[in-house]
mmCIF file of all heavy atoms, coordinates in Angstrom:
data_MODEL
# 
_entry.id   MODEL 
# 
loop_
_atom_site.group_PDB 
_atom_site.id 
_atom_site.type_symbol 
_atom_site.label_atom_id 
_atom_site.label_alt_id 
_atom_site.label_comp_id 
_atom_site.label_asym_id 
_atom_site.label_entity_id 
_atom_site.label_seq_id 
_atom_site.pdbx_PDB_ins_code 
_atom_site.Cartn_x 
_atom_site.Cartn_y 
_atom_site.Cartn_z 
_atom_site.occupancy 
_atom_site.B_iso_or_equiv 
_atom_site.pdbx_formal_charge 
_atom_site.auth_seq_id 
_atom_site.auth_comp_id 
_atom_site.auth_asym_id 
_atom_site.auth_atom_id 
_atom_site.pdbx_PDB_model_num 
ATOM 1   N N   . GLY A 1 1  ? -26.196 -7.733  -8.338  1.00 0.00 ? 1  GLY A N   1 
ATOM 2   C CA  . GLY A 1 1  ? -27.543 -8.025  -7.871  1.00 0.00 ? 1  GLY A CA  1 
ATOM 3   C C   . GLY A 1 1  ? -28.185 -6.828  -7.196  1.00 0.00 ? 1  GLY A C   1 
ATOM 4   O O   . GLY A 1 1  ? -27.509 -5.875  -6.796  1.00 0.00 ? 1  GLY A O   1 
ATOM 5   N N   . ASN A 1 2  ? -29.481 -6.891  -7.025  1.00 0.00 ? 2  ASN A N   1 
ATOM 6   C CA  . ASN A 1 2  ? -30.216 -5.784  -6.396  1.00 0.00 ? 2  ASN A CA  1 
ATOM 7   C C   . ASN A 1 2  ? -29.905 -5.643  -4.916  1.00 0.00 ? 2  ASN A C   1 
ATOM 8   O O   . ASN A 1 2  ? -30.092 -4.571  -4.338  1.00 0.00 ? 2  ASN A O   1 
ATOM 9   C CB  . ASN A 1 2  ? -31.726 -5.981  -6.592  1.00 0.00 ? 2  ASN A CB  1 
ATOM 10  C CG  . ASN A 1 2  ? -32.132 -5.894  -8.056  1.00 0.00 ? 2  ASN A CG  1 
ATOM 11  O OD1 . ASN A 1 2  ? -31.524 -5.147  -8.827  1.00 0.00 ? 2  ASN A OD1 1 
ATOM 12  N ND2 . ASN A 1 2  ? -33.147 -6.659  -8.441  1.00 0.00 ? 2  ASN A ND2 1 
ATOM 13  N N   . ASP A 1 3  ? -29.451 -6.723  -4.281  1.00 0.00 ? 3  ASP A N   1 
ATOM 14  C CA  . ASP A 1 3  ? -29.177 -6.678  -2.843  1.00 0.00 ? 3  ASP A CA  1 
ATOM 15  C C   . ASP A 1 3  ? -27.716 -6.381  -2.527  1.00 0.00 ? 3  ASP A C   1 
ATOM 16  O O   . ASP A 1 3  ? -27.269 -6.551  -1.396  1.00 0.00 ? 3  ASP A O   1 
ATOM 17  C CB  . ASP A 1 3  ? -29.588 -7.996  -2.194  1.00 0.00 ? 3  ASP A CB  1 
ATOM 18  C CG  . ASP A 1 3  ? -28.835 -9.192  -2.781  1.00 0.00 ? 3  ASP A CG  1 
ATOM 19  O OD1 . ASP A 1 3  ? -28.124 -8.993  -3.788  1.00 0.00 ? 3  ASP A OD1 1 
ATOM 20  O OD2 . ASP A 1 3  ? -28.953 -10.304 -2.233  1.00 0.00 ? 3  ASP A OD2 1 
ATOM 21  N N   . GLY A 1 4  ? -26.922 -5.946  -3.536  1.00 0.00 ? 4  GLY A N   1 
ATOM 22  C CA  . GLY A 1 4  ? -25.532 -5.587  -3.311  1.00 0.00 ? 4  GLY A CA  1 
ATOM 23  C C   . GLY A 1 4  ? -24.538 -6.688  -3.625  1.00 0.00 ? 4  GLY A C   1 
ATOM 24  O O   . GLY A 1 4  ? -23.326 -6.443  -3.625  1.00 0.00 ? 4  GLY A O   1 
ATOM 25  N N   . GLN A 1 5  ? -24.995 -7.889  -3.897  1.00 0.00 ? 5  GLN A N   1 
ATOM 26  C CA  . GLN A 1 5  ? -24.070 -8.960  -4.261  1.00 0.00 ? 5  GLN A CA  1 
ATOM 27  C C   . GLN A 1 5  ? -23.493 -8.720  -5.663  1.00 0.00 ? 5  GLN A C   1 
ATOM 28  O O   . GLN A 1 5  ? -24.152 -8.129  -6.517  1.00 0.00 ? 5  GLN A O   1 
ATOM 29  C CB  . GLN A 1 5  ? -24.776 -10.314 -4.241  1.00 0.00 ? 5  GLN A CB  1 
ATOM 30  C CG  . GLN A 1 5  ? -25.269 -10.751 -2.877  1.00 0.00 ? 5  GLN A CG  1 
ATOM 31  C CD  . GLN A 1 5  ? -25.807 -12.171 -2.924  1.00 0.00 ? 5  GLN A CD  1 
ATOM 32  O OE1 . GLN A 1 5  ? -25.062 -13.140 -2.882  1.00 0.00 ? 5  GLN A OE1 1 
ATOM 33  N NE2 . GLN A 1 5  ? -27.124 -12.283 -3.016  1.00 0.00 ? 5  GLN A NE2 1 
ATOM 34  N N   . TYR A 1 6  ? -22.286 -9.216  -5.877  1.00 0.00 ? 6  TYR A N   1 
ATOM 35  C CA  . TYR A 1 6  ? -21.706 -9.105  -7.211  1.00 0.00 ? 6  TYR A CA  1 
ATOM 36  C C   . TYR A 1 6  ? -20.729 -10.263 -7.455  1.00 0.00 ? 6  TYR A C   1 
ATOM 37  O O   . TYR A 1 6  ? -20.191 -10.863 -6.518  1.00 0.00 ? 6  TYR A O   1 
ATOM 38  C CB  . TYR A 1 6  ? -20.989 -7.764  -7.409  1.00 0.00 ? 6  TYR A CB  1 
ATOM 39  C CG  . TYR A 1 6  ? -19.776 -7.567  -6.525  1.00 0.00 ? 6  TYR A CG  1 
ATOM 40  C CD1 . TYR A 1 6  ? -18.511 -7.997  -6.925  1.00 0.00 ? 6  TYR A CD1 1 
ATOM 41  C CD2 . TYR A 1 6  ? -19.887 -6.920  -5.290  1.00 0.00 ? 6  TYR A CD2 1 
ATOM 42  C CE1 . TYR A 1 6  ? -17.401 -7.810  -6.132  1.00 0.00 ? 6  TYR A CE1 1 
ATOM 43  C CE2 . TYR A 1 6  ? -18.779 -6.730  -4.492  1.00 0.00 ? 6  TYR A CE2 1 
ATOM 44  C CZ  . TYR A 1 6  ? -17.542 -7.175  -4.909  1.00 0.00 ? 6  TYR A CZ  1 
ATOM 45  O OH  . TYR A 1 6  ? -16.442 -6.998  -4.114  1.00 0.00 ? 6  TYR A OH  1 
ATOM 46  N N   . VAL A 1 7  ? -20.516 -10.544 -8.737  1.00 0.00 ? 7  VAL A N   1 
ATOM 47  C CA  . VAL A 1 7  ? -19.570 -11.560 -9.180  1.00 0.00 ? 7  VAL A CA  1 
ATOM 48  C C   . VAL A 1 7  ? -18.761 -10.969 -10.337 1.00 0.00 ? 7  VAL A C   1 
ATOM 49  O O   . VAL A 1 7  ? -19.331 -10.423 -11.281 1.00 0.00 ? 7  VAL A O   1 
ATOM 50  C CB  . VAL A 1 7  ? -20.280 -12.852 -9.635  1.00 0.00 ? 7  VAL A CB  1 
ATOM 51  C CG1 . VAL A 1 7  ? -19.254 -13.839 -10.208 1.00 0.00 ? 7  VAL A CG1 1 
ATOM 52  C CG2 . VAL A 1 7  ? -21.033 -13.487 -8.484  1.00 0.00 ? 7  VAL A CG2 1 
ATOM 53  N N   . ASP A 1 8  ? -17.429 -11.088 -10.261 1.00 0.00 ? 8  ASP A N   1 
ATOM 54  C CA  . ASP A 1 8  ? -16.539 -10.645 -11.341 1.00 0.00 ? 8  ASP A CA  1 
ATOM 55  C C   . ASP A 1 8  ? -15.777 -11.857 -11.880 1.00 0.00 ? 8  ASP A C   1 
ATOM 56  O O   . ASP A 1 8  ? -15.227 -12.646 -11.106 1.00 0.00 ? 8  ASP A O   1 
ATOM 57  C CB  . ASP A 1 8  ? -15.521 -9.616  -10.830 1.00 0.00 ? 8  ASP A CB  1 
ATOM 58  C CG  . ASP A 1 8  ? -16.180 -8.294  -10.445 1.00 0.00 ? 8  ASP A CG  1 
ATOM 59  O OD1 . ASP A 1 8  ? -17.286 -8.041  -10.934 1.00 0.00 ? 8  ASP A OD1 1 
ATOM 60  O OD2 . ASP A 1 8  ? -15.571 -7.536  -9.664  1.00 0.00 ? 8  ASP A OD2 1 
ATOM 61  N N   . LEU A 1 9  ? -15.726 -11.979 -13.201 1.00 0.00 ? 9  LEU A N   1 
ATOM 62  C CA  . LEU A 1 9  ? -15.028 -13.082 -13.855 1.00 0.00 ? 9  LEU A CA  1 
ATOM 63  C C   . LEU A 1 9  ? -14.064 -12.525 -14.900 1.00 0.00 ? 9  LEU A C   1 
ATOM 64  O O   . LEU A 1 9  ? -14.418 -11.615 -15.649 1.00 0.00 ? 9  LEU A O   1 
ATOM 65  C CB  . LEU A 1 9  ? -16.020 -14.035 -14.535 1.00 0.00 ? 9  LEU A CB  1 
ATOM 66  C CG  . LEU A 1 9  ? -17.102 -14.653 -13.647 1.00 0.00 ? 9  LEU A CG  1 
ATOM 67  C CD1 . LEU A 1 9  ? -18.106 -15.419 -14.503 1.00 0.00 ? 9  LEU A CD1 1 
ATOM 68  C CD2 . LEU A 1 9  ? -16.482 -15.565 -12.599 1.00 0.00 ? 9  LEU A CD2 1 
ATOM 69  N N   . ILE A 1 10 ? -12.846 -13.087 -14.957 1.00 0.00 ? 10 ILE A N   1 
ATOM 70  C CA  . ILE A 1 10 ? -11.833 -12.654 -15.929 1.00 0.00 ? 10 ILE A CA  1 
ATOM 71  C C   . ILE A 1 10 ? -11.146 -13.891 -16.508 1.00 0.00 ? 10 ILE A C   1 
ATOM 72  O O   . ILE A 1 10 ? -10.791 -14.816 -15.770 1.00 0.00 ? 10 ILE A O   1 
ATOM 73  C CB  . ILE A 1 10 ? -10.752 -11.768 -15.284 1.00 0.00 ? 10 ILE A CB  1 
ATOM 74  C CG1 . ILE A 1 10 ? -11.358 -10.569 -14.561 1.00 0.00 ? 10 ILE A CG1 1 
ATOM 75  C CG2 . ILE A 1 10 ? -9.749  -11.296 -16.331 1.00 0.00 ? 10 ILE A CG2 1 
ATOM 76  C CD1 . ILE A 1 10 ? -10.344 -9.804  -13.718 1.00 0.00 ? 10 ILE A CD1 1 
ATOM 77  N N   . ALA A 1 11 ? -10.950 -13.904 -17.816 1.00 0.00 ? 11 ALA A N   1 
ATOM 78  C CA  . ALA A 1 11 ? -10.134 -14.931 -18.483 1.00 0.00 ? 11 ALA A CA  1 
ATOM 79  C C   . ALA A 1 11 ? -9.141  -14.217 -19.384 1.00 0.00 ? 11 ALA A C   1 
ATOM 80  O O   . ALA A 1 11 ? -9.521  -13.344 -20.164 1.00 0.00 ? 11 ALA A O   1 
ATOM 81  C CB  . ALA A 1 11 ? -11.014 -15.881 -19.294 1.00 0.00 ? 11 ALA A CB  1 
ATOM 82  N N   . LYS A 1 12 ? -7.852  -14.583 -19.283 1.00 0.00 ? 12 LYS A N   1 
ATOM 83  C CA  . LYS A 1 12 ? -6.806  -13.912 -20.056 1.00 0.00 ? 12 LYS A CA  1 
ATOM 84  C C   . LYS A 1 12 ? -5.897  -14.932 -20.738 1.00 0.00 ? 12 LYS A C   1 
ATOM 85  O O   . LYS A 1 12 ? -5.594  -15.992 -20.178 1.00 0.00 ? 12 LYS A O   1 
ATOM 86  C CB  . LYS A 1 12 ? -5.958  -13.006 -19.159 1.00 0.00 ? 12 LYS A CB  1 
ATOM 87  C CG  . LYS A 1 12 ? -6.688  -11.813 -18.598 1.00 0.00 ? 12 LYS A CG  1 
ATOM 88  C CD  . LYS A 1 12 ? -5.750  -10.911 -17.825 1.00 0.00 ? 12 LYS A CD  1 
ATOM 89  C CE  . LYS A 1 12 ? -4.742  -10.240 -18.732 1.00 0.00 ? 12 LYS A CE  1 
ATOM 90  N NZ  . LYS A 1 12 ? -3.880  -9.293  -18.003 1.00 0.00 ? 12 LYS A NZ  1 
ATOM 91  N N   . TYR A 1 13 ? -5.455  -14.563 -21.925 1.00 0.00 ? 13 TYR A N   1 
ATOM 92  C CA  . TYR A 1 13 ? -4.495  -15.362 -22.683 1.00 0.00 ? 13 TYR A CA  1 
ATOM 93  C C   . TYR A 1 13 ? -3.349  -14.434 -23.059 1.00 0.00 ? 13 TYR A C   1 
ATOM 94  O O   . TYR A 1 13 ? -3.567  -13.391 -23.687 1.00 0.00 ? 13 TYR A O   1 
ATOM 95  C CB  . TYR A 1 13 ? -5.162  -15.939 -23.924 1.00 0.00 ? 13 TYR A CB  1 
ATOM 96  C CG  . TYR A 1 13 ? -4.385  -17.034 -24.602 1.00 0.00 ? 13 TYR A CG  1 
ATOM 97  C CD1 . TYR A 1 13 ? -3.861  -18.101 -23.874 1.00 0.00 ? 13 TYR A CD1 1 
ATOM 98  C CD2 . TYR A 1 13 ? -4.177  -17.019 -25.978 1.00 0.00 ? 13 TYR A CD2 1 
ATOM 99  C CE1 . TYR A 1 13 ? -3.156  -19.116 -24.497 1.00 0.00 ? 13 TYR A CE1 1 
ATOM 100 C CE2 . TYR A 1 13 ? -3.476  -18.041 -26.618 1.00 0.00 ? 13 TYR A CE2 1 
ATOM 101 C CZ  . TYR A 1 13 ? -2.972  -19.085 -25.859 1.00 0.00 ? 13 TYR A CZ  1 
ATOM 102 O OH  . TYR A 1 13 ? -2.277  -20.091 -26.484 1.00 0.00 ? 13 TYR A OH  1 
ATOM 103 N N   . THR A 1 14 ? -2.118  -14.797 -22.672 1.00 0.00 ? 14 THR A N   1 
ATOM 104 C CA  . THR A 1 14 ? -0.990  -13.870 -22.747 1.00 0.00 ? 14 THR A CA  1 
ATOM 105 C C   . THR A 1 14 ? 0.188   -14.486 -23.492 1.00 0.00 ? 14 THR A C   1 
ATOM 106 O O   . THR A 1 14 ? 0.535   -15.652 -23.288 1.00 0.00 ? 14 THR A O   1 
ATOM 107 C CB  . THR A 1 14 ? -0.525  -13.472 -21.328 1.00 0.00 ? 14 THR A CB  1 
ATOM 108 O OG1 . THR A 1 14 ? -1.634  -12.960 -20.588 1.00 0.00 ? 14 THR A OG1 1 
ATOM 109 C CG2 . THR A 1 14 ? 0.564   -12.417 -21.399 1.00 0.00 ? 14 THR A CG2 1 
ATOM 110 N N   . ARG A 1 15 ? 0.804   -13.682 -24.332 1.00 0.00 ? 15 ARG A N   1 
ATOM 111 C CA  . ARG A 1 15 ? 2.052   -14.037 -25.006 1.00 0.00 ? 15 ARG A CA  1 
ATOM 112 C C   . ARG A 1 15 ? 3.188   -13.393 -24.241 1.00 0.00 ? 15 ARG A C   1 
ATOM 113 O O   . ARG A 1 15 ? 3.259   -12.154 -24.118 1.00 0.00 ? 15 ARG A O   1 
ATOM 114 C CB  . ARG A 1 15 ? 2.031   -13.516 -26.449 1.00 0.00 ? 15 ARG A CB  1 
ATOM 115 C CG  . ARG A 1 15 ? 3.322   -13.721 -27.233 1.00 0.00 ? 15 ARG A CG  1 
ATOM 116 C CD  . ARG A 1 15 ? 3.575   -15.153 -27.574 1.00 0.00 ? 15 ARG A CD  1 
ATOM 117 N NE  . ARG A 1 15 ? 4.514   -15.295 -28.688 1.00 0.00 ? 15 ARG A NE  1 
ATOM 118 C CZ  . ARG A 1 15 ? 5.007   -16.466 -29.090 1.00 0.00 ? 15 ARG A CZ  1 
ATOM 119 N NH1 . ARG A 1 15 ? 4.632   -17.572 -28.482 1.00 0.00 ? 15 ARG A NH1 1 
ATOM 120 N NH2 . ARG A 1 15 ? 5.847   -16.523 -30.107 1.00 0.00 ? 15 ARG A NH2 1 
ATOM 121 N N   . LEU A 1 16 ? 4.117   -14.199 -23.707 1.00 0.00 ? 16 LEU A N   1 
ATOM 122 C CA  . LEU A 1 16 ? 5.238   -13.708 -22.918 1.00 0.00 ? 16 LEU A CA  1 
ATOM 123 C C   . LEU A 1 16 ? 6.512   -13.784 -23.749 1.00 0.00 ? 16 LEU A C   1 
ATOM 124 O O   . LEU A 1 16 ? 6.801   -14.811 -24.372 1.00 0.00 ? 16 LEU A O   1 
ATOM 125 C CB  . LEU A 1 16 ? 5.426   -14.527 -21.641 1.00 0.00 ? 16 LEU A CB  1 
ATOM 126 C CG  . LEU A 1 16 ? 4.336   -14.476 -20.571 1.00 0.00 ? 16 LEU A CG  1 
ATOM 127 C CD1 . LEU A 1 16 ? 3.211   -15.444 -20.869 1.00 0.00 ? 16 LEU A CD1 1 
ATOM 128 C CD2 . LEU A 1 16 ? 4.920   -14.799 -19.195 1.00 0.00 ? 16 LEU A CD2 1 
ATOM 129 N N   . GLU A 1 17 ? 7.290   -12.700 -23.734 1.00 0.00 ? 17 GLU A N   1 
ATOM 130 C CA  . GLU A 1 17 ? 8.582   -12.644 -24.422 1.00 0.00 ? 17 GLU A CA  1 
ATOM 131 C C   . GLU A 1 17 ? 9.653   -12.219 -23.424 1.00 0.00 ? 17 GLU A C   1 
ATOM 132 O O   . GLU A 1 17 ? 9.439   -11.300 -22.629 1.00 0.00 ? 17 GLU A O   1 
ATOM 133 C CB  . GLU A 1 17 ? 8.535   -11.652 -25.588 1.00 0.00 ? 17 GLU A CB  1 
ATOM 134 C CG  . GLU A 1 17 ? 7.484   -11.976 -26.636 1.00 0.00 ? 17 GLU A CG  1 
ATOM 135 C CD  . GLU A 1 17 ? 7.476   -10.970 -27.777 1.00 0.00 ? 17 GLU A CD  1 
ATOM 136 O OE1 . GLU A 1 17 ? 8.554   -10.438 -28.095 1.00 0.00 ? 17 GLU A OE1 1 
ATOM 137 O OE2 . GLU A 1 17 ? 6.394   -10.707 -28.327 1.00 0.00 ? 17 GLU A OE2 1 
ATOM 138 N N   . ASN A 1 18 ? 10.797  -12.890 -23.495 1.00 0.00 ? 18 ASN A N   1 
ATOM 139 C CA  . ASN A 1 18 ? 11.874  -12.632 -22.544 1.00 0.00 ? 18 ASN A CA  1 
ATOM 140 C C   . ASN A 1 18 ? 13.210  -12.660 -23.283 1.00 0.00 ? 18 ASN A C   1 
ATOM 141 O O   . ASN A 1 18 ? 13.570  -13.656 -23.906 1.00 0.00 ? 18 ASN A O   1 
ATOM 142 C CB  . ASN A 1 18 ? 11.859  -13.691 -21.435 1.00 0.00 ? 18 ASN A CB  1 
ATOM 143 C CG  . ASN A 1 18 ? 12.643  -13.276 -20.209 1.00 0.00 ? 18 ASN A CG  1 
ATOM 144 O OD1 . ASN A 1 18 ? 13.594  -12.515 -20.308 1.00 0.00 ? 18 ASN A OD1 1 
ATOM 145 N ND2 . ASN A 1 18 ? 12.245  -13.791 -19.058 1.00 0.00 ? 18 ASN A ND2 1 
ATOM 146 N N   . ASP A 1 19 ? 13.936  -11.563 -23.225 1.00 0.00 ? 19 ASP A N   1 
ATOM 147 C CA  . ASP A 1 19 ? 15.258  -11.438 -23.863 1.00 0.00 ? 19 ASP A CA  1 
ATOM 148 C C   . ASP A 1 19 ? 16.229  -10.995 -22.773 1.00 0.00 ? 19 ASP A C   1 
ATOM 149 O O   . ASP A 1 19 ? 16.105  -9.890  -22.244 1.00 0.00 ? 19 ASP A O   1 
ATOM 150 C CB  . ASP A 1 19 ? 15.189  -10.423 -25.000 1.00 0.00 ? 19 ASP A CB  1 
ATOM 151 C CG  . ASP A 1 19 ? 16.489  -10.341 -25.792 1.00 0.00 ? 19 ASP A CG  1 
ATOM 152 O OD1 . ASP A 1 19 ? 17.454  -11.044 -25.418 1.00 0.00 ? 19 ASP A OD1 1 
ATOM 153 O OD2 . ASP A 1 19 ? 16.550  -9.556  -26.753 1.00 0.00 ? 19 ASP A OD2 1 
ATOM 154 N N   . TYR A 1 20 ? 17.199  -11.846 -22.420 1.00 0.00 ? 20 TYR A N   1 
ATOM 155 C CA  . TYR A 1 20 ? 18.058  -11.523 -21.276 1.00 0.00 ? 20 TYR A CA  1 
ATOM 156 C C   . TYR A 1 20 ? 19.534  -11.757 -21.582 1.00 0.00 ? 20 TYR A C   1 
ATOM 157 O O   . TYR A 1 20 ? 19.902  -12.490 -22.498 1.00 0.00 ? 20 TYR A O   1 
ATOM 158 C CB  . TYR A 1 20 ? 17.641  -12.340 -20.045 1.00 0.00 ? 20 TYR A CB  1 
ATOM 159 C CG  . TYR A 1 20 ? 17.816  -13.838 -20.173 1.00 0.00 ? 20 TYR A CG  1 
ATOM 160 C CD1 . TYR A 1 20 ? 19.038  -14.451 -19.913 1.00 0.00 ? 20 TYR A CD1 1 
ATOM 161 C CD2 . TYR A 1 20 ? 16.744  -14.653 -20.534 1.00 0.00 ? 20 TYR A CD2 1 
ATOM 162 C CE1 . TYR A 1 20 ? 19.200  -15.817 -20.013 1.00 0.00 ? 20 TYR A CE1 1 
ATOM 163 C CE2 . TYR A 1 20 ? 16.891  -16.025 -20.637 1.00 0.00 ? 20 TYR A CE2 1 
ATOM 164 C CZ  . TYR A 1 20 ? 18.120  -16.604 -20.373 1.00 0.00 ? 20 TYR A CZ  1 
ATOM 165 O OH  . TYR A 1 20 ? 18.275  -17.969 -20.484 1.00 0.00 ? 20 TYR A OH  1 
ATOM 166 N N   . ASP A 1 21 ? 20.372  -11.103 -20.766 1.00 0.00 ? 21 ASP A N   1 
ATOM 167 C CA  . ASP A 1 21 ? 21.822  -11.251 -20.820 1.00 0.00 ? 21 ASP A CA  1 
ATOM 168 C C   . ASP A 1 21 ? 22.347  -11.471 -19.409 1.00 0.00 ? 21 ASP A C   1 
ATOM 169 O O   . ASP A 1 21 ? 21.847  -10.873 -18.447 1.00 0.00 ? 21 ASP A O   1 
ATOM 170 C CB  . ASP A 1 21 ? 22.488  -10.005 -21.414 1.00 0.00 ? 21 ASP A CB  1 
ATOM 171 C CG  . ASP A 1 21 ? 22.086  -9.777  -22.867 1.00 0.00 ? 21 ASP A CG  1 
ATOM 172 O OD1 . ASP A 1 21 ? 22.380  -10.637 -23.699 1.00 0.00 ? 21 ASP A OD1 1 
ATOM 173 O OD2 . ASP A 1 21 ? 21.453  -8.739  -23.146 1.00 0.00 ? 21 ASP A OD2 1 
ATOM 174 N N   . VAL A 1 22 ? 23.366  -12.313 -19.291 1.00 0.00 ? 22 VAL A N   1 
ATOM 175 C CA  . VAL A 1 22 ? 23.988  -12.628 -18.009 1.00 0.00 ? 22 VAL A CA  1 
ATOM 176 C C   . VAL A 1 22 ? 25.505  -12.549 -18.174 1.00 0.00 ? 22 VAL A C   1 
ATOM 177 O O   . VAL A 1 22 ? 26.026  -12.885 -19.236 1.00 0.00 ? 22 VAL A O   1 
ATOM 178 C CB  . VAL A 1 22 ? 23.610  -14.047 -17.523 1.00 0.00 ? 22 VAL A CB  1 
ATOM 179 C CG1 . VAL A 1 22 ? 24.139  -14.292 -16.115 1.00 0.00 ? 22 VAL A CG1 1 
ATOM 180 C CG2 . VAL A 1 22 ? 22.110  -14.264 -17.564 1.00 0.00 ? 22 VAL A CG2 1 
ATOM 181 N N   . ALA A 1 23 ? 26.202  -12.123 -17.125 1.00 0.00 ? 23 ALA A N   1 
ATOM 182 C CA  . ALA A 1 23 ? 27.670  -12.145 -17.122 1.00 0.00 ? 23 ALA A CA  1 
ATOM 183 C C   . ALA A 1 23 ? 28.139  -12.679 -15.776 1.00 0.00 ? 23 ALA A C   1 
ATOM 184 O O   . ALA A 1 23 ? 27.468  -12.494 -14.753 1.00 0.00 ? 23 ALA A O   1 
ATOM 185 C CB  . ALA A 1 23 ? 28.223  -10.744 -17.363 1.00 0.00 ? 23 ALA A CB  1 
ATOM 186 N N   . ASN A 1 24 ? 29.281  -13.363 -15.765 1.00 0.00 ? 24 ASN A N   1 
ATOM 187 C CA  . ASN A 1 24 ? 29.839  -13.824 -14.497 1.00 0.00 ? 24 ASN A CA  1 
ATOM 188 C C   . ASN A 1 24 ? 31.121  -13.058 -14.180 1.00 0.00 ? 24 ASN A C   1 
ATOM 189 O O   . ASN A 1 24 ? 31.576  -12.224 -14.965 1.00 0.00 ? 24 ASN A O   1 
ATOM 190 C CB  . ASN A 1 24 ? 30.064  -15.342 -14.501 1.00 0.00 ? 24 ASN A CB  1 
ATOM 191 C CG  . ASN A 1 24 ? 31.072  -15.789 -15.545 1.00 0.00 ? 24 ASN A CG  1 
ATOM 192 O OD1 . ASN A 1 24 ? 31.865  -15.005 -16.054 1.00 0.00 ? 24 ASN A OD1 1 
ATOM 193 N ND2 . ASN A 1 24 ? 31.047  -17.076 -15.874 1.00 0.00 ? 24 ASN A ND2 1 
ATOM 194 N N   . VAL A 1 25 ? 31.712  -13.348 -13.035 1.00 0.00 ? 25 VAL A N   1 
ATOM 195 C CA  . VAL A 1 25 ? 32.875  -12.576 -12.573 1.00 0.00 ? 25 VAL A CA  1 
ATOM 196 C C   . VAL A 1 25 ? 34.111  -12.848 -13.423 1.00 0.00 ? 25 VAL A C   1 
ATOM 197 O O   . VAL A 1 25 ? 35.088  -12.117 -13.341 1.00 0.00 ? 25 VAL A O   1 
ATOM 198 C CB  . VAL A 1 25 ? 33.182  -12.882 -11.093 1.00 0.00 ? 25 VAL A CB  1 
ATOM 199 C CG1 . VAL A 1 25 ? 32.049  -12.415 -10.202 1.00 0.00 ? 25 VAL A CG1 1 
ATOM 200 C CG2 . VAL A 1 25 ? 33.461  -14.365 -10.891 1.00 0.00 ? 25 VAL A CG2 1 
ATOM 201 N N   . TYR A 1 26 ? 34.072  -13.895 -14.247 1.00 0.00 ? 26 TYR A N   1 
ATOM 202 C CA  . TYR A 1 26 ? 35.217  -14.214 -15.097 1.00 0.00 ? 26 TYR A CA  1 
ATOM 203 C C   . TYR A 1 26 ? 35.134  -13.514 -16.440 1.00 0.00 ? 26 TYR A C   1 
ATOM 204 O O   . TYR A 1 26 ? 35.985  -13.709 -17.299 1.00 0.00 ? 26 TYR A O   1 
ATOM 205 C CB  . TYR A 1 26 ? 35.294  -15.726 -15.309 1.00 0.00 ? 26 TYR A CB  1 
ATOM 206 C CG  . TYR A 1 26 ? 35.232  -16.511 -14.024 1.00 0.00 ? 26 TYR A CG  1 
ATOM 207 C CD1 . TYR A 1 26 ? 34.089  -17.229 -13.689 1.00 0.00 ? 26 TYR A CD1 1 
ATOM 208 C CD2 . TYR A 1 26 ? 36.291  -16.500 -13.127 1.00 0.00 ? 26 TYR A CD2 1 
ATOM 209 C CE1 . TYR A 1 26 ? 34.018  -17.936 -12.495 1.00 0.00 ? 26 TYR A CE1 1 
ATOM 210 C CE2 . TYR A 1 26 ? 36.223  -17.202 -11.934 1.00 0.00 ? 26 TYR A CE2 1 
ATOM 211 C CZ  . TYR A 1 26 ? 35.080  -17.918 -11.622 1.00 0.00 ? 26 TYR A CZ  1 
ATOM 212 O OH  . TYR A 1 26 ? 35.011  -18.598 -10.444 1.00 0.00 ? 26 TYR A OH  1 
ATOM 213 N N   . GLY A 1 27 ? 34.078  -12.701 -16.639 1.00 0.00 ? 27 GLY A N   1 
ATOM 214 C CA  . GLY A 1 27 ? 33.944  -11.951 -17.871 1.00 0.00 ? 27 GLY A CA  1 
ATOM 215 C C   . GLY A 1 27 ? 33.205  -12.665 -18.982 1.00 0.00 ? 27 GLY A C   1 
ATOM 216 O O   . GLY A 1 27 ? 33.057  -12.125 -20.074 1.00 0.00 ? 27 GLY A O   1 
ATOM 217 N N   . HIS A 1 28 ? 32.720  -13.878 -18.726 1.00 0.00 ? 28 HIS A N   1 
ATOM 218 C CA  . HIS A 1 28 ? 31.967  -14.609 -19.745 1.00 0.00 ? 28 HIS A CA  1 
ATOM 219 C C   . HIS A 1 28 ? 30.514  -14.139 -19.764 1.00 0.00 ? 28 HIS A C   1 
ATOM 220 O O   . HIS A 1 28 ? 29.982  -13.673 -18.757 1.00 0.00 ? 28 HIS A O   1 
ATOM 221 C CB  . HIS A 1 28 ? 32.023  -16.111 -19.475 1.00 0.00 ? 28 HIS A CB  1 
ATOM 222 C CG  . HIS A 1 28 ? 33.359  -16.707 -19.768 1.00 0.00 ? 28 HIS A CG  1 
ATOM 223 N ND1 . HIS A 1 28 ? 33.840  -16.843 -21.041 1.00 0.00 ? 28 HIS A ND1 1 
ATOM 224 C CD2 . HIS A 1 28 ? 34.314  -17.187 -18.938 1.00 0.00 ? 28 HIS A CD2 1 
ATOM 225 C CE1 . HIS A 1 28 ? 35.040  -17.410 -20.998 1.00 0.00 ? 28 HIS A CE1 1 
ATOM 226 N NE2 . HIS A 1 28 ? 35.355  -17.610 -19.728 1.00 0.00 ? 28 HIS A NE2 1 
# 
């Protein structure tokens, strides 16, 4: 706006991918 006011708008759509490995103290 002319008086210094402002508005910001954001819309996002995201594809999430997760590839993980876990080990325990017994070696599994």
